[in-house]
Amino acid sequence: LMISAFKVSLSQQTHGKSASEVMTDLLEKTTVDLLGALLNAAELTQEFRLTLLDSLFVDEQGFSNQICKKQSHDSLTKTSLVDILSLSVESATSARDLLLARVILFQSVMRYSSELDKDAKLAITTKLQWFLDILADKEIYSSVLSSQLPMA
């Protein structure tokens, strides 16, 4: 998600477009391969796969809810995957750029989904409604249409 967010921020800068294209060529497949390896791991339960995808692909409201829940938990509780993903990205970029990064990451996962096993594909299909809802958001839709985001 951080790589996708960085790619979004680079693509919005005049001199960053070339770097964004190179980054897409070099890192997109590797990023999806790492996520795919995690989703394909035989040791994972379907529940964990769904939790991982829910953590990665949330809208602004869901992201805010995760942060609020995190702040209301006791400080002695174990750090969850949601906390790690939310906090590491929260300070890195704006909410709109983060949503664009999530869209790019989801598109990449879908592009290479043929390499996922059956359980991982099933988990990914649960996020299709999220993807359509995000694309229907007028700010995200206009950003995707007007952006020069490199797609492999």
N, C-alpha and C. Protein backbone atom coordinates (compact mmCIF):
# COMPACT_ATOMS: atom_id res chain seq x y z
N LEU A 1 0.83 -1.19 0.00
CA LEU A 1 0.00 0.00 0.00
C LEU A 1 0.87 1.25 0.00
N MET A 2 1.98 1.20 0.74
CA MET A 2 2.89 2.34 0.77
C MET A 2 3.50 2.58 -0.61
N ILE A 3 3.83 1.53 -1.32
CA ILE A 3 4.40 1.68 -2.67
C ILE A 3 3.37 2.32 -3.59
N SER A 4 2.14 1.88 -3.52
CA SER A 4 1.08 2.46 -4.35
C SER A 4 0.84 3.92 -3.99
N ALA A 5 0.85 4.24 -2.70
CA ALA A 5 0.65 5.62 -2.26
C ALA A 5 1.79 6.52 -2.74
N PHE A 6 3.00 6.00 -2.68
CA PHE A 6 4.15 6.77 -3.16
C PHE A 6 4.05 6.99 -4.66
N LYS A 7 3.59 5.97 -5.37
CA LYS A 7 3.42 6.08 -6.82
C LYS A 7 2.38 7.16 -7.16
N VAL A 8 1.30 7.22 -6.40
CA VAL A 8 0.28 8.25 -6.62
C VAL A 8 0.88 9.63 -6.41
N SER A 9 1.63 9.81 -5.32
CA SER A 9 2.19 11.14 -5.05
C SER A 9 3.22 11.53 -6.11
N LEU A 10 4.01 10.58 -6.58
CA LEU A 10 4.98 10.89 -7.65
C LEU A 10 4.28 11.26 -8.95
N SER A 11 3.21 10.56 -9.26
CA SER A 11 2.52 10.81 -10.53
C SER A 11 1.86 12.18 -10.57
N GLN A 12 1.63 12.78 -9.42
CA GLN A 12 0.99 14.10 -9.37
C GLN A 12 2.00 15.24 -9.51
N GLN A 13 3.28 14.91 -9.48
CA GLN A 13 4.32 15.92 -9.64
C GLN A 13 4.80 15.91 -11.08
N THR A 14 5.13 17.07 -11.59
CA THR A 14 5.57 17.18 -12.98
C THR A 14 6.80 16.33 -13.24
N HIS A 15 7.78 16.42 -12.37
CA HIS A 15 9.02 15.68 -12.58
C HIS A 15 8.96 14.26 -12.03
N GLY A 16 7.87 13.91 -11.39
CA GLY A 16 7.76 12.59 -10.79
C GLY A 16 7.11 11.55 -11.67
N LYS A 17 6.56 11.95 -12.80
CA LYS A 17 5.86 11.00 -13.67
C LYS A 17 6.77 9.89 -14.19
N SER A 18 7.98 10.24 -14.58
CA SER A 18 8.92 9.22 -15.07
C SER A 18 9.28 8.24 -13.96
N ALA A 19 9.52 8.76 -12.78
CA ALA A 19 9.84 7.89 -11.65
C ALA A 19 8.66 6.98 -11.33
N SER A 20 7.46 7.51 -11.45
CA SER A 20 6.26 6.71 -11.20
C SER A 20 6.14 5.57 -12.21
N GLU A 21 6.45 5.85 -13.47
CA GLU A 21 6.40 4.81 -14.50
C GLU A 21 7.44 3.73 -14.26
N VAL A 22 8.65 4.14 -13.89
CA VAL A 22 9.71 3.16 -13.59
C VAL A 22 9.31 2.33 -12.38
N MET A 23 8.77 2.99 -11.39
CA MET A 23 8.33 2.28 -10.19
C MET A 23 7.27 1.24 -10.51
N THR A 24 6.36 1.59 -11.39
CA THR A 24 5.33 0.64 -11.82
C THR A 24 5.96 -0.57 -12.48
N ASP A 25 6.88 -0.31 -13.40
CA ASP A 25 7.54 -1.41 -14.11
C ASP A 25 8.31 -2.33 -13.17
N LEU A 26 8.99 -1.75 -12.18
CA LEU A 26 9.85 -2.54 -11.31
C LEU A 26 9.14 -3.18 -10.13
N LEU A 27 8.22 -2.48 -9.53
CA LEU A 27 7.70 -2.92 -8.24
C LEU A 27 6.28 -3.45 -8.22
N GLU A 28 5.48 -3.13 -9.23
CA GLU A 28 4.08 -3.53 -9.18
C GLU A 28 3.92 -5.05 -9.08
N LYS A 29 4.56 -5.78 -9.96
CA LYS A 29 4.43 -7.24 -9.97
C LYS A 29 5.00 -7.84 -8.69
N THR A 30 6.12 -7.30 -8.22
CA THR A 30 6.72 -7.80 -6.98
C THR A 30 5.79 -7.59 -5.80
N THR A 31 5.16 -6.43 -5.74
CA THR A 31 4.23 -6.14 -4.65
C THR A 31 3.06 -7.12 -4.66
N VAL A 32 2.50 -7.34 -5.84
CA VAL A 32 1.37 -8.26 -5.96
C VAL A 32 1.82 -9.70 -5.67
N ASP A 33 3.03 -10.05 -6.08
CA ASP A 33 3.55 -11.39 -5.77
C ASP A 33 3.67 -11.61 -4.27
N LEU A 34 4.12 -10.59 -3.54
CA LEU A 34 4.23 -10.72 -2.08
C LEU A 34 2.86 -10.88 -1.44
N LEU A 35 1.91 -10.07 -1.87
CA LEU A 35 0.55 -10.20 -1.34
C LEU A 35 -0.05 -11.54 -1.73
N GLY A 36 0.18 -11.96 -2.98
CA GLY A 36 -0.32 -13.25 -3.44
C GLY A 36 0.26 -14.41 -2.66
N ALA A 37 1.56 -14.34 -2.35
CA ALA A 37 2.19 -15.40 -1.57
C ALA A 37 1.56 -15.49 -0.18
N LEU A 38 1.26 -14.34 0.38
CA LEU A 38 0.62 -14.32 1.69
C LEU A 38 -0.80 -14.90 1.61
N LEU A 39 -1.55 -14.48 0.60
CA LEU A 39 -2.92 -14.98 0.45
C LEU A 39 -2.97 -16.46 0.08
N ASN A 40 -1.96 -16.94 -0.63
CA ASN A 40 -1.93 -18.34 -1.05
C ASN A 40 -1.37 -19.29 0.01
N ALA A 41 -0.85 -18.76 1.10
CA ALA A 41 -0.24 -19.60 2.13
C ALA A 41 -1.26 -20.60 2.67
N ALA A 42 -0.88 -21.85 2.65
CA ALA A 42 -1.79 -22.92 3.08
C ALA A 42 -2.11 -22.83 4.57
N GLU A 43 -1.23 -22.22 5.35
CA GLU A 43 -1.42 -22.14 6.80
C GLU A 43 -2.49 -21.12 7.19
N LEU A 44 -2.86 -20.25 6.27
CA LEU A 44 -3.82 -19.19 6.60
C LEU A 44 -5.26 -19.69 6.53
N THR A 45 -6.04 -19.22 7.47
CA THR A 45 -7.47 -19.51 7.41
C THR A 45 -8.13 -18.49 6.48
N GLN A 46 -9.31 -18.83 6.01
CA GLN A 46 -10.05 -17.91 5.14
C GLN A 46 -10.39 -16.64 5.92
N GLU A 47 -10.64 -16.79 7.20
CA GLU A 47 -10.95 -15.63 8.03
C GLU A 47 -9.79 -14.64 8.06
N PHE A 48 -8.55 -15.15 8.16
CA PHE A 48 -7.40 -14.26 8.16
C PHE A 48 -7.23 -13.58 6.81
N ARG A 49 -7.46 -14.32 5.72
CA ARG A 49 -7.38 -13.71 4.38
C ARG A 49 -8.36 -12.54 4.27
N LEU A 50 -9.58 -12.77 4.74
CA LEU A 50 -10.60 -11.72 4.68
C LEU A 50 -10.22 -10.53 5.56
N THR A 51 -9.64 -10.79 6.72
CA THR A 51 -9.19 -9.72 7.61
C THR A 51 -8.09 -8.91 6.95
N LEU A 52 -7.16 -9.59 6.32
CA LEU A 52 -6.07 -8.90 5.62
C LEU A 52 -6.62 -8.00 4.51
N LEU A 53 -7.51 -8.53 3.70
CA LEU A 53 -8.09 -7.74 2.61
C LEU A 53 -8.95 -6.60 3.14
N ASP A 54 -9.68 -6.84 4.23
CA ASP A 54 -10.47 -5.77 4.84
C ASP A 54 -9.56 -4.65 5.34
N SER A 55 -8.38 -5.01 5.82
CA SER A 55 -7.42 -4.01 6.31
C SER A 55 -6.83 -3.19 5.18
N LEU A 56 -6.60 -3.83 4.05
CA LEU A 56 -6.01 -3.14 2.91
C LEU A 56 -7.01 -2.30 2.14
N PHE A 57 -8.21 -2.81 1.97
CA PHE A 57 -9.18 -2.17 1.09
C PHE A 57 -10.38 -1.65 1.87
N VAL A 58 -10.18 -0.51 2.52
CA VAL A 58 -11.26 0.16 3.25
C VAL A 58 -11.42 1.56 2.68
N ASP A 59 -12.62 2.11 2.83
CA ASP A 59 -12.85 3.48 2.38
C ASP A 59 -12.46 4.46 3.48
N GLU A 60 -12.66 5.75 3.23
CA GLU A 60 -12.28 6.76 4.22
C GLU A 60 -13.01 6.55 5.54
N GLN A 61 -14.30 6.22 5.48
CA GLN A 61 -15.09 6.02 6.70
C GLN A 61 -14.56 4.82 7.48
N GLY A 62 -14.29 3.73 6.78
CA GLY A 62 -13.75 2.55 7.44
C GLY A 62 -12.38 2.81 8.03
N PHE A 63 -11.57 3.60 7.34
CA PHE A 63 -10.24 3.94 7.82
C PHE A 63 -10.36 4.75 9.11
N SER A 64 -11.27 5.73 9.13
CA SER A 64 -11.49 6.53 10.33
C SER A 64 -11.98 5.67 11.48
N ASN A 65 -12.88 4.72 11.19
CA ASN A 65 -13.38 3.82 12.23
C ASN A 65 -12.27 2.97 12.80
N GLN A 66 -11.36 2.49 11.95
CA GLN A 66 -10.25 1.68 12.43
C GLN A 66 -9.36 2.48 13.38
N ILE A 67 -9.09 3.73 13.03
CA ILE A 67 -8.26 4.57 13.88
C ILE A 67 -8.95 4.83 15.21
N CYS A 68 -10.26 5.11 15.19
CA CYS A 68 -11.01 5.35 16.43
C CYS A 68 -11.02 4.11 17.30
N LYS A 69 -11.23 2.94 16.71
CA LYS A 69 -11.22 1.69 17.47
C LYS A 69 -9.86 1.47 18.09
N LYS A 70 -8.81 1.76 17.34
CA LYS A 70 -7.45 1.56 17.82
C LYS A 70 -7.19 2.45 19.02
N GLN A 71 -7.66 3.70 18.97
CA GLN A 71 -7.41 4.63 20.05
C GLN A 71 -8.22 4.27 21.30
N SER A 72 -9.34 3.58 21.13
CA SER A 72 -10.16 3.23 22.28
C SER A 72 -9.70 1.95 22.96
N HIS A 73 -8.85 1.16 22.31
CA HIS A 73 -8.34 -0.07 22.91
C HIS A 73 -7.34 0.25 24.01
N ASP A 74 -7.22 -0.67 24.93
CA ASP A 74 -6.24 -0.56 25.99
C ASP A 74 -4.84 -0.61 25.39
N SER A 75 -3.94 0.17 25.90
CA SER A 75 -2.58 0.22 25.34
C SER A 75 -1.82 -1.08 25.53
N LEU A 76 -2.29 -1.96 26.39
CA LEU A 76 -1.60 -3.23 26.62
C LEU A 76 -2.02 -4.33 25.65
N THR A 77 -3.03 -4.08 24.82
CA THR A 77 -3.48 -5.10 23.88
C THR A 77 -2.46 -5.28 22.78
N LYS A 78 -2.47 -6.47 22.21
CA LYS A 78 -1.53 -6.79 21.15
C LYS A 78 -1.83 -5.95 19.90
N THR A 79 -0.79 -5.51 19.21
CA THR A 79 -0.96 -4.74 17.99
C THR A 79 -1.52 -5.64 16.91
N SER A 80 -2.58 -5.17 16.26
CA SER A 80 -3.21 -5.97 15.21
C SER A 80 -2.70 -5.54 13.84
N LEU A 81 -3.00 -6.36 12.86
CA LEU A 81 -2.62 -6.07 11.48
C LEU A 81 -3.26 -4.77 11.02
N VAL A 82 -4.50 -4.54 11.41
CA VAL A 82 -5.20 -3.31 11.04
C VAL A 82 -4.45 -2.10 11.58
N ASP A 83 -3.99 -2.18 12.83
CA ASP A 83 -3.25 -1.07 13.44
C ASP A 83 -1.97 -0.78 12.67
N ILE A 84 -1.26 -1.82 12.32
CA ILE A 84 0.01 -1.65 11.61
C ILE A 84 -0.22 -0.99 10.26
N LEU A 85 -1.17 -1.50 9.48
CA LEU A 85 -1.43 -0.94 8.16
C LEU A 85 -1.98 0.47 8.24
N SER A 86 -2.85 0.74 9.20
CA SER A 86 -3.47 2.05 9.31
C SER A 86 -2.47 3.11 9.73
N LEU A 87 -1.71 2.84 10.76
CA LEU A 87 -0.82 3.85 11.30
C LEU A 87 0.37 4.13 10.40
N SER A 88 0.89 3.12 9.73
CA SER A 88 2.05 3.36 8.89
C SER A 88 1.69 4.20 7.68
N VAL A 89 0.46 4.14 7.26
CA VAL A 89 0.04 4.86 6.06
C VAL A 89 -0.60 6.19 6.43
N GLU A 90 -1.21 6.26 7.60
CA GLU A 90 -1.97 7.45 7.98
C GLU A 90 -1.16 8.73 7.85
N SER A 91 0.06 8.72 8.32
CA SER A 91 0.85 9.93 8.30
C SER A 91 1.54 10.17 6.97
N ALA A 92 1.52 9.19 6.08
CA ALA A 92 2.28 9.28 4.84
C ALA A 92 1.60 10.09 3.76
N THR A 93 0.29 10.17 3.76
CA THR A 93 -0.38 10.78 2.62
C THR A 93 -1.79 11.20 2.98
N SER A 94 -2.43 11.93 2.10
CA SER A 94 -3.80 12.37 2.35
C SER A 94 -4.77 11.21 2.15
N ALA A 95 -5.98 11.38 2.64
CA ALA A 95 -6.98 10.31 2.54
C ALA A 95 -7.32 10.01 1.08
N ARG A 96 -7.42 11.04 0.25
CA ARG A 96 -7.76 10.82 -1.16
C ARG A 96 -6.63 10.07 -1.87
N ASP A 97 -5.40 10.47 -1.63
CA ASP A 97 -4.28 9.77 -2.24
C ASP A 97 -4.19 8.33 -1.76
N LEU A 98 -4.53 8.13 -0.50
CA LEU A 98 -4.51 6.78 0.04
C LEU A 98 -5.59 5.92 -0.61
N LEU A 99 -6.76 6.48 -0.84
CA LEU A 99 -7.81 5.73 -1.53
C LEU A 99 -7.40 5.42 -2.97
N LEU A 100 -6.76 6.38 -3.63
CA LEU A 100 -6.26 6.11 -4.98
C LEU A 100 -5.23 4.99 -4.96
N ALA A 101 -4.38 4.98 -3.95
CA ALA A 101 -3.38 3.92 -3.82
C ALA A 101 -4.06 2.57 -3.62
N ARG A 102 -5.12 2.55 -2.84
CA ARG A 102 -5.87 1.31 -2.63
C ARG A 102 -6.50 0.83 -3.94
N VAL A 103 -7.02 1.76 -4.73
CA VAL A 103 -7.60 1.41 -6.04
C VAL A 103 -6.53 0.82 -6.94
N ILE A 104 -5.37 1.45 -6.99
CA ILE A 104 -4.27 0.95 -7.83
C ILE A 104 -3.84 -0.43 -7.39
N LEU A 105 -3.69 -0.62 -6.08
CA LEU A 105 -3.29 -1.93 -5.57
C LEU A 105 -4.33 -2.99 -5.91
N PHE A 106 -5.61 -2.65 -5.75
CA PHE A 106 -6.66 -3.61 -6.07
C PHE A 106 -6.66 -3.96 -7.55
N GLN A 107 -6.46 -2.96 -8.41
CA GLN A 107 -6.37 -3.22 -9.85
C GLN A 107 -5.21 -4.16 -10.15
N SER A 108 -4.10 -3.96 -9.49
CA SER A 108 -2.94 -4.82 -9.70
C SER A 108 -3.22 -6.25 -9.24
N VAL A 109 -3.87 -6.37 -8.10
CA VAL A 109 -4.22 -7.71 -7.60
C VAL A 109 -5.15 -8.40 -8.58
N MET A 110 -6.12 -7.67 -9.10
CA MET A 110 -7.05 -8.26 -10.07
C MET A 110 -6.33 -8.65 -11.36
N ARG A 111 -5.39 -7.82 -11.78
CA ARG A 111 -4.66 -8.08 -13.02
C ARG A 111 -3.89 -9.40 -12.93
N TYR A 112 -3.34 -9.69 -11.77
CA TYR A 112 -2.53 -10.89 -11.61
C TYR A 112 -3.25 -11.98 -10.80
N SER A 113 -4.56 -11.91 -10.72
CA SER A 113 -5.32 -12.85 -9.89
C SER A 113 -5.29 -14.29 -10.40
N SER A 114 -4.91 -14.49 -11.63
CA SER A 114 -4.84 -15.87 -12.15
C SER A 114 -3.80 -16.69 -11.39
N GLU A 115 -2.87 -16.03 -10.72
CA GLU A 115 -1.83 -16.73 -9.97
C GLU A 115 -2.26 -17.07 -8.55
N LEU A 116 -3.44 -16.65 -8.16
CA LEU A 116 -3.93 -16.93 -6.81
C LEU A 116 -4.67 -18.25 -6.77
N ASP A 117 -4.64 -18.91 -5.60
CA ASP A 117 -5.39 -20.16 -5.48
C ASP A 117 -6.88 -19.85 -5.25
N LYS A 118 -7.69 -20.90 -5.23
CA LYS A 118 -9.14 -20.75 -5.17
C LYS A 118 -9.60 -19.97 -3.94
N ASP A 119 -9.05 -20.27 -2.77
CA ASP A 119 -9.45 -19.58 -1.54
C ASP A 119 -9.09 -18.09 -1.59
N ALA A 120 -7.93 -17.78 -2.14
CA ALA A 120 -7.51 -16.38 -2.25
C ALA A 120 -8.41 -15.63 -3.23
N LYS A 121 -8.77 -16.27 -4.33
CA LYS A 121 -9.68 -15.64 -5.30
C LYS A 121 -11.04 -15.37 -4.67
N LEU A 122 -11.52 -16.32 -3.89
CA LEU A 122 -12.80 -16.14 -3.21
C LEU A 122 -12.73 -14.96 -2.25
N ALA A 123 -11.63 -14.84 -1.54
CA ALA A 123 -11.46 -13.72 -0.62
C ALA A 123 -11.44 -12.39 -1.37
N ILE A 124 -10.77 -12.36 -2.52
CA ILE A 124 -10.70 -11.14 -3.33
C ILE A 124 -12.08 -10.74 -3.84
N THR A 125 -12.90 -11.72 -4.22
CA THR A 125 -14.23 -11.39 -4.76
C THR A 125 -15.11 -10.68 -3.73
N THR A 126 -14.82 -10.88 -2.45
CA THR A 126 -15.61 -10.19 -1.43
C THR A 126 -15.35 -8.69 -1.43
N LYS A 127 -14.28 -8.25 -2.07
CA LYS A 127 -13.93 -6.83 -2.10
C LYS A 127 -14.38 -6.14 -3.39
N LEU A 128 -15.03 -6.86 -4.30
CA LEU A 128 -15.47 -6.24 -5.56
C LEU A 128 -16.49 -5.13 -5.33
N GLN A 129 -17.39 -5.30 -4.39
CA GLN A 129 -18.37 -4.25 -4.09
C GLN A 129 -17.65 -3.01 -3.56
N TRP A 130 -16.65 -3.21 -2.71
CA TRP A 130 -15.84 -2.08 -2.23
C TRP A 130 -15.23 -1.33 -3.41
N PHE A 131 -14.67 -2.07 -4.35
CA PHE A 131 -14.02 -1.48 -5.52
C PHE A 131 -15.01 -0.64 -6.33
N LEU A 132 -16.19 -1.19 -6.58
CA LEU A 132 -17.21 -0.45 -7.33
C LEU A 132 -17.69 0.79 -6.56
N ASP A 133 -17.85 0.66 -5.25
CA ASP A 133 -18.28 1.79 -4.44
C ASP A 133 -17.24 2.91 -4.46
N ILE A 134 -15.97 2.55 -4.36
CA ILE A 134 -14.90 3.54 -4.38
C ILE A 134 -14.85 4.24 -5.74
N LEU A 135 -14.96 3.47 -6.82
CA LEU A 135 -14.92 4.06 -8.15
C LEU A 135 -16.12 4.97 -8.41
N ALA A 136 -17.24 4.71 -7.75
CA ALA A 136 -18.43 5.53 -7.92
C ALA A 136 -18.34 6.85 -7.16
N ASP A 137 -17.42 6.95 -6.21
CA ASP A 137 -17.21 8.20 -5.49
C ASP A 137 -16.72 9.26 -6.47
N LYS A 138 -17.36 10.43 -6.48
CA LYS A 138 -17.06 11.42 -7.52
C LYS A 138 -15.63 11.93 -7.46
N GLU A 139 -15.06 12.08 -6.28
CA GLU A 139 -13.67 12.54 -6.20
C GLU A 139 -12.69 11.49 -6.71
N ILE A 140 -12.92 10.25 -6.33
CA ILE A 140 -12.03 9.18 -6.78
C ILE A 140 -12.20 8.96 -8.27
N TYR A 141 -13.44 8.94 -8.73
CA TYR A 141 -13.71 8.74 -10.15
C TYR A 141 -13.03 9.81 -11.00
N SER A 142 -13.18 11.07 -10.60
CA SER A 142 -12.56 12.15 -11.37
C SER A 142 -11.04 12.10 -11.26
N SER A 143 -10.52 11.69 -10.12
CA SER A 143 -9.07 11.57 -9.96
C SER A 143 -8.51 10.47 -10.85
N VAL A 144 -9.21 9.35 -10.91
CA VAL A 144 -8.75 8.24 -11.75
C VAL A 144 -8.80 8.66 -13.22
N LEU A 145 -9.87 9.34 -13.63
CA LEU A 145 -10.00 9.77 -15.02
C LEU A 145 -8.96 10.82 -15.40
N SER A 146 -8.68 11.75 -14.50
CA SER A 146 -7.78 12.85 -14.83
C SER A 146 -6.32 12.56 -14.53
N SER A 147 -6.06 11.51 -13.80
CA SER A 147 -4.67 11.24 -13.41
C SER A 147 -3.87 10.63 -14.54
N GLN A 148 -2.59 10.71 -14.38
CA GLN A 148 -1.67 10.10 -15.33
C GLN A 148 -0.98 8.91 -14.66
N LEU A 149 -1.75 8.16 -13.89
CA LEU A 149 -1.17 7.03 -13.17
C LEU A 149 -0.76 5.95 -14.16
N PRO A 150 0.48 5.54 -14.10
CA PRO A 150 0.94 4.50 -15.03
C PRO A 150 0.35 3.15 -14.67
N MET A 151 -0.17 2.48 -15.65
CA MET A 151 -0.71 1.14 -15.48
C MET A 151 0.07 0.20 -16.37
N ALA A 152 0.46 -0.93 -15.81
CA ALA A 152 1.24 -1.89 -16.59
C ALA A 152 0.37 -2.62 -17.57
